[in-house]
C-alpha cells in the first residue's frame, strides 16, 4: 500500500514538473516586447517642376518648400544618425501627388512630413499652421484643401489615376472619414510640437493645429503632417520665407519637433 502511494506521488510530481516545463515555454519570462524606434522619415517638399504651387510677388512655393525640406533633412541626418531620411524630391522636379505618400509607404517609413506655403486672397492673412488627416471643421479649411489637392490636374490622365476623385467637389471627400484614425494621436503629437516650436522658439504667429483631408496625408500609412510655413501672399511673410534666417529657423523648429517626437514615442 505504501509503495503504491509513493508511486502515485512520484507520478503527480513528474506530471506537475512536466506541466510547469511546458507552461514556461508559452508564458513570458520577463523579456520586454520589442521597443519602437523611429527609423525612417520621409520629407516631402510640396509641388515642383511644372507645378509651382502658390505664387507670391517675387517667389514660388515650390522653391521655398524645397529649400526648407532639404534643411530639415540635413539637420536630422547630422543630429539623429540612427534615423534614415528619404526625400520625395531633392531638385525642382514634378512628383505626382499620389506618388508622394507612396514613396513613404514603399519604404515603410515611420513618419511622413509634407512641407508647404500658404496663400490667401486676403493679403493680410499670416501665420503658420500644421494639418493632420481628418475632416473636423472641413468646410472652414476647404479652400486650402481644394488648392493643395488640385495639383493632380497637372498630371496626365488624372481622372483615371485618381478614380474619379474631384478635388473641387466636397462629395469626393466623404471617403476620407474612414481612414487614418489609427495614426491620429501620433500625428497630433508631432503637429502640436511643430506649432509650439514655431511660436516659442521662432516667434511666428501660429494659426494652430487643424484637421483636413489632404490627399498626401490620407494616402500615407503612418503618422503624417502637412506643415504650412506661412503665407506667400503676405508681403512680410514672403520676405521672411525667402530669407536665409527664416528658412533656417523654420527648418530647425521642424527638426527639434521630430527629435522631441522621437524621444516621446521611444520612451513609451
Protein backbone atom coordinates (compact mmCIF):
# COMPACT_ATOMS: atom_id res chain seq x y z
CA UNK A 1 0.00 0.00 0.00
CA UNK A 2 2.84 2.34 0.94
CA UNK A 3 4.70 1.60 -2.30
CA UNK A 4 1.53 2.31 -4.24
CA UNK A 5 1.18 5.73 -2.57
CA UNK A 6 4.81 6.54 -3.33
CA UNK A 7 4.34 5.61 -6.98
CA UNK A 8 1.21 7.80 -7.21
CA UNK A 9 3.04 10.66 -5.50
CA UNK A 10 6.00 10.34 -7.88
CA UNK A 11 3.66 10.32 -10.87
CA UNK A 12 1.98 13.51 -9.59
CA UNK A 13 5.35 15.23 -9.06
CA UNK A 14 6.53 14.26 -12.54
CA UNK A 15 3.24 15.46 -14.01
CA UNK A 16 3.49 18.82 -12.20
CA UNK A 17 7.11 19.32 -13.29
CA UNK A 18 6.30 18.39 -16.87
CA UNK A 19 3.34 20.78 -16.92
CA UNK A 20 5.47 23.57 -15.43
CA UNK A 21 8.19 23.00 -18.01
CA UNK A 22 5.68 23.12 -20.86
CA UNK A 23 4.00 26.18 -19.41
CA UNK A 24 7.23 28.17 -19.28
CA UNK A 25 7.59 27.70 -23.00
CA UNK A 26 4.38 29.66 -23.60
CA UNK A 27 4.47 32.32 -20.88
CA UNK A 28 6.62 35.47 -20.87
CA UNK A 29 9.87 35.07 -18.96
CA UNK A 30 10.31 38.72 -18.11
CA UNK A 31 11.56 39.76 -21.55
CA UNK A 32 10.13 43.05 -22.85
CA UNK A 33 8.22 43.50 -26.08
CA UNK A 34 10.29 44.91 -28.93
CA UNK A 35 10.77 48.66 -28.48
CA UNK A 36 9.55 51.01 -31.21
CA UNK A 37 12.24 53.06 -32.91
CA UNK A 38 11.82 55.98 -35.27
CA UNK A 39 13.98 54.69 -38.10
CA UNK A 40 12.73 56.33 -41.30
CA UNK A 41 11.35 59.79 -42.00
CA UNK A 42 10.08 60.87 -45.41
CA UNK A 43 10.27 64.61 -46.11
CA UNK A 44 8.07 65.88 -48.90
CA UNK A 45 8.81 69.27 -50.47
CA UNK A 46 5.42 70.31 -51.81
CA UNK A 47 4.86 70.97 -55.54
CA UNK A 48 7.79 71.17 -58.00
CA UNK A 49 8.54 71.16 -61.73
CA UNK A 50 5.51 72.10 -63.80
CA UNK A 51 3.55 72.74 -60.59
CA UNK A 52 4.75 76.00 -58.97
CA UNK A 53 2.33 75.88 -56.06
CA UNK A 54 1.28 79.23 -54.64
CA UNK A 55 2.91 82.24 -56.26
CA UNK A 56 3.93 85.35 -54.36
CA UNK A 57 5.04 88.73 -55.65
CA UNK A 58 8.56 87.52 -56.36
CA UNK A 59 8.81 83.83 -55.40
CA UNK A 60 7.17 80.43 -55.84
CA UNK A 61 6.07 77.94 -53.23
CA UNK A 62 7.89 75.03 -54.91
CA UNK A 63 11.29 76.71 -54.41
CA UNK A 64 10.72 77.63 -50.76
CA UNK A 65 9.43 74.21 -49.76
CA UNK A 66 12.44 72.52 -51.33
CA UNK A 67 14.94 74.73 -49.51
CA UNK A 68 13.31 74.15 -46.12
CA UNK A 69 12.80 70.42 -46.74
CA UNK A 70 16.48 69.90 -47.58
CA UNK A 71 17.49 71.82 -44.44
CA UNK A 72 15.19 69.74 -42.23
CA UNK A 73 16.63 66.55 -43.71
CA UNK A 74 20.19 67.77 -43.20
CA UNK A 75 19.58 68.59 -39.53
CA UNK A 76 18.06 65.15 -38.93
CA UNK A 77 20.93 63.39 -40.72
CA UNK A 78 23.56 65.34 -38.76
CA UNK A 79 21.96 65.09 -35.32
CA UNK A 80 19.93 61.87 -35.43
CA UNK A 81 22.26 59.44 -37.21
CA UNK A 82 20.03 56.46 -36.42
CA UNK A 83 17.23 57.96 -38.49
CA UNK A 84 17.19 57.49 -42.27
CA UNK A 85 15.90 60.47 -44.23
CA UNK A 86 14.12 59.89 -47.54
CA UNK A 87 13.11 62.78 -49.79
CA UNK A 88 10.23 62.77 -52.25
CA UNK A 89 12.31 65.21 -54.30
CA UNK A 90 15.70 66.91 -53.95
CA UNK A 91 15.51 69.05 -57.08
CA UNK A 92 12.91 71.07 -59.00
CA UNK A 93 11.04 68.12 -60.49
CA UNK A 94 7.37 67.24 -60.70
CA UNK A 95 6.23 64.38 -58.46
CA UNK A 96 2.66 63.12 -58.83
CA UNK A 97 0.56 63.73 -55.75
CA UNK A 98 -0.23 60.03 -55.40
CA UNK A 99 3.46 59.11 -55.61
CA UNK A 100 4.49 61.26 -52.65
CA UNK A 101 2.84 59.14 -49.92
CA UNK A 102 3.55 56.01 -51.95
CA UNK A 103 7.29 56.72 -51.54
CA UNK A 104 6.74 56.65 -47.78
CA UNK A 105 4.59 53.53 -47.97
CA UNK A 106 7.07 51.58 -50.12
CA UNK A 107 9.93 52.46 -47.78
CA UNK A 108 7.85 51.54 -44.71
CA UNK A 109 8.55 54.94 -43.19
CA UNK A 110 7.66 55.74 -39.59
CA UNK A 111 6.83 59.38 -40.29
CA UNK A 112 5.73 61.49 -43.27
CA UNK A 113 6.22 65.28 -43.30
CA UNK A 114 4.88 67.37 -46.18
CA UNK A 115 6.08 70.99 -46.32
CA UNK A 116 4.08 73.78 -47.97
CA UNK A 117 3.45 77.53 -48.05
CA UNK A 118 0.02 79.05 -47.67
CA UNK A 119 -1.77 81.64 -49.79
CA UNK A 120 -4.96 83.66 -49.48
CA UNK A 121 -6.90 86.32 -51.33
CA UNK A 122 -6.77 88.34 -48.14
CA UNK A 123 -3.20 89.68 -48.28
CA UNK A 124 -3.19 90.42 -44.56
CA UNK A 125 -3.55 86.73 -43.63
CA UNK A 126 -0.38 85.39 -42.00
CA UNK A 127 0.96 82.68 -39.71
CA UNK A 128 1.88 79.02 -39.64
CA UNK A 129 -0.46 76.05 -39.33
CA UNK A 130 0.05 72.30 -39.28
CA UNK A 131 -2.53 69.82 -40.53
CA UNK A 132 -3.23 66.21 -39.70
CA UNK A 133 -5.56 63.89 -41.59
CA UNK A 134 -9.18 64.45 -40.63
CA UNK A 135 -12.43 66.13 -41.57
CA UNK A 136 -13.05 68.22 -38.45
CA UNK A 137 -14.04 71.78 -39.47
CA UNK A 138 -13.71 70.65 -43.08
CA UNK A 139 -15.77 73.49 -44.50
CA UNK A 140 -13.60 76.14 -42.84
CA UNK A 141 -10.46 74.62 -44.39
CA UNK A 142 -11.94 73.64 -47.75
CA UNK A 143 -10.25 76.41 -49.74
CA UNK A 144 -6.79 75.28 -48.59
CA UNK A 145 -7.62 71.60 -49.14
CA UNK A 146 -9.00 72.30 -52.59
CA UNK A 147 -5.92 74.30 -53.60
CA UNK A 148 -3.37 71.73 -52.36
CA UNK A 149 -5.24 68.73 -53.79
CA UNK A 150 -5.92 70.41 -57.14
CA UNK A 151 -2.29 69.83 -58.17
CA UNK A 152 -3.48 66.50 -59.56
CA UNK A 153 -4.90 68.41 -62.53
CA UNK A 154 -1.31 68.98 -63.69
CA UNK A 155 -0.96 65.22 -64.18
CA UNK A 156 -1.84 63.31 -67.33
CA UNK A 157 -4.97 61.13 -67.13
CA UNK A 158 -5.58 62.27 -63.56
CA UNK A 159 -9.30 61.36 -63.78
CA UNK A 160 -8.35 57.72 -64.35
CA UNK A 161 -5.38 57.68 -61.94
CA UNK A 162 -7.42 59.09 -59.06
CA UNK A 163 -10.51 57.06 -59.92
CA UNK A 164 -12.89 59.97 -60.36
CA UNK A 165 -11.67 61.96 -57.36
CA UNK A 166 -12.54 65.62 -57.91
CA UNK A 167 -10.51 67.98 -55.66
CA UNK A 168 -13.14 70.71 -56.11
CA UNK A 169 -16.10 68.56 -55.07
CA UNK A 170 -16.97 68.23 -51.34
CA UNK A 171 -18.66 64.90 -52.12
CA UNK A 172 -15.30 63.41 -53.14
CA UNK A 173 -14.06 63.79 -49.57
CA UNK A 174 -16.71 61.63 -47.90
CA UNK A 175 -14.46 58.55 -48.12
CA UNK A 176 -11.71 60.32 -46.19
CA UNK A 177 -13.65 59.90 -42.95
CA UNK A 178 -12.90 56.18 -42.82
CA UNK A 179 -9.12 56.24 -42.63
CA UNK A 180 -6.16 57.36 -40.54
CA UNK A 181 -7.81 57.18 -37.12
CA UNK A 182 -5.08 54.76 -36.04
CA UNK A 183 -2.40 57.40 -36.64
CA UNK A 184 -4.30 60.46 -35.41
CA UNK A 185 -2.85 60.56 -31.90
CA UNK A 186 0.79 60.43 -33.02
CA UNK A 187 0.14 62.85 -35.88
CA UNK A 188 -1.43 65.32 -33.47
CA UNK A 189 1.52 64.95 -31.11
CA UNK A 190 4.03 65.92 -33.80
CA UNK A 191 1.82 68.69 -35.20
CA UNK A 192 1.45 70.23 -31.73
CA UNK A 193 5.21 70.16 -31.22
CA UNK A 194 5.79 71.87 -34.58
CA UNK A 195 3.35 74.70 -33.89
CA UNK A 196 4.60 75.11 -30.32
CA UNK A 197 8.19 75.43 -31.52
CA UNK A 198 7.20 77.86 -34.27
CA UNK A 199 5.64 80.07 -31.59
CA UNK A 200 8.05 79.75 -28.68
CA UNK A 201 11.37 79.40 -30.48
CA UNK A 202 10.89 81.09 -33.86
CA UNK A 203 8.44 83.78 -32.75
CA UNK A 204 5.95 83.08 -35.54
CA UNK A 205 2.22 83.56 -35.27
CA UNK A 206 0.57 80.14 -35.07
CA UNK A 207 -2.87 79.58 -36.55
CA UNK A 208 -2.93 76.23 -34.75
CA UNK A 209 -3.16 72.52 -35.43
CA UNK A 210 -6.00 71.60 -37.76
CA UNK A 211 -7.57 68.61 -39.45
CA UNK A 212 -8.13 68.41 -43.20
CA UNK A 213 -8.40 65.66 -45.86
CA UNK A 214 -5.25 66.38 -47.82
CA UNK A 215 -4.62 63.59 -50.30
CA UNK A 216 -0.96 63.13 -49.29
CA UNK A 217 -2.00 62.58 -45.66
CA UNK A 218 -4.93 60.32 -46.44
CA UNK A 219 -2.83 58.03 -48.64
CA UNK A 220 0.10 57.61 -46.24
CA UNK A 221 0.19 54.57 -43.96
CA UNK A 222 1.95 56.14 -40.99
CA UNK A 223 1.67 59.23 -38.76
CA UNK A 224 1.86 62.25 -41.03
CA UNK A 225 1.58 66.02 -41.01
CA UNK A 226 1.32 68.79 -43.57
CA UNK A 227 3.07 71.99 -42.50
CA UNK A 228 2.18 75.42 -43.87
CA UNK A 229 5.26 77.57 -43.22
CA UNK A 230 3.48 80.89 -43.74
CA UNK A 231 1.59 82.92 -46.33
CA UNK A 232 3.49 83.64 -49.52
CA UNK A 233 0.64 86.04 -50.35
CA UNK A 234 1.59 88.23 -47.37
CA UNK A 235 4.41 90.66 -48.24
CA UNK A 236 6.15 90.42 -44.85
CA UNK A 237 5.93 86.64 -44.66
CA UNK A 238 7.08 86.21 -48.24
CA UNK A 239 10.24 88.18 -47.41
CA UNK A 240 10.74 86.09 -44.26
CA UNK A 241 10.22 82.79 -46.12
CA UNK A 242 12.81 83.84 -48.70
CA UNK A 243 15.41 84.89 -46.13
CA UNK A 244 18.18 82.54 -45.06
CA UNK A 245 17.41 83.19 -41.40
CA UNK A 246 13.74 82.45 -41.91
CA UNK A 247 14.41 79.17 -43.68
CA UNK A 248 16.99 78.16 -41.07
CA UNK A 249 14.73 78.94 -38.11
CA UNK A 250 11.70 77.19 -39.60
CA UNK A 251 13.71 74.10 -40.55
CA UNK A 252 15.32 74.00 -37.11
CA UNK A 253 11.90 74.12 -35.46
CA UNK A 254 10.67 71.18 -37.53
CA UNK A 255 13.84 69.23 -36.74
CA UNK A 256 13.51 69.90 -32.99
CA UNK A 257 9.90 68.75 -33.13
CA UNK A 258 10.89 65.48 -34.84
CA UNK A 259 13.58 64.95 -32.21
CA UNK A 260 11.12 65.57 -29.35
CA UNK A 261 8.55 63.31 -31.01
CA UNK A 262 11.16 60.57 -31.40
CA UNK A 263 12.15 60.79 -27.74
CA UNK A 264 8.50 60.73 -26.67
CA UNK A 265 7.39 57.65 -28.60
CA UNK A 266 10.58 55.71 -27.94
CA UNK A 267 10.20 56.25 -24.18
CA UNK A 268 6.71 54.76 -24.08
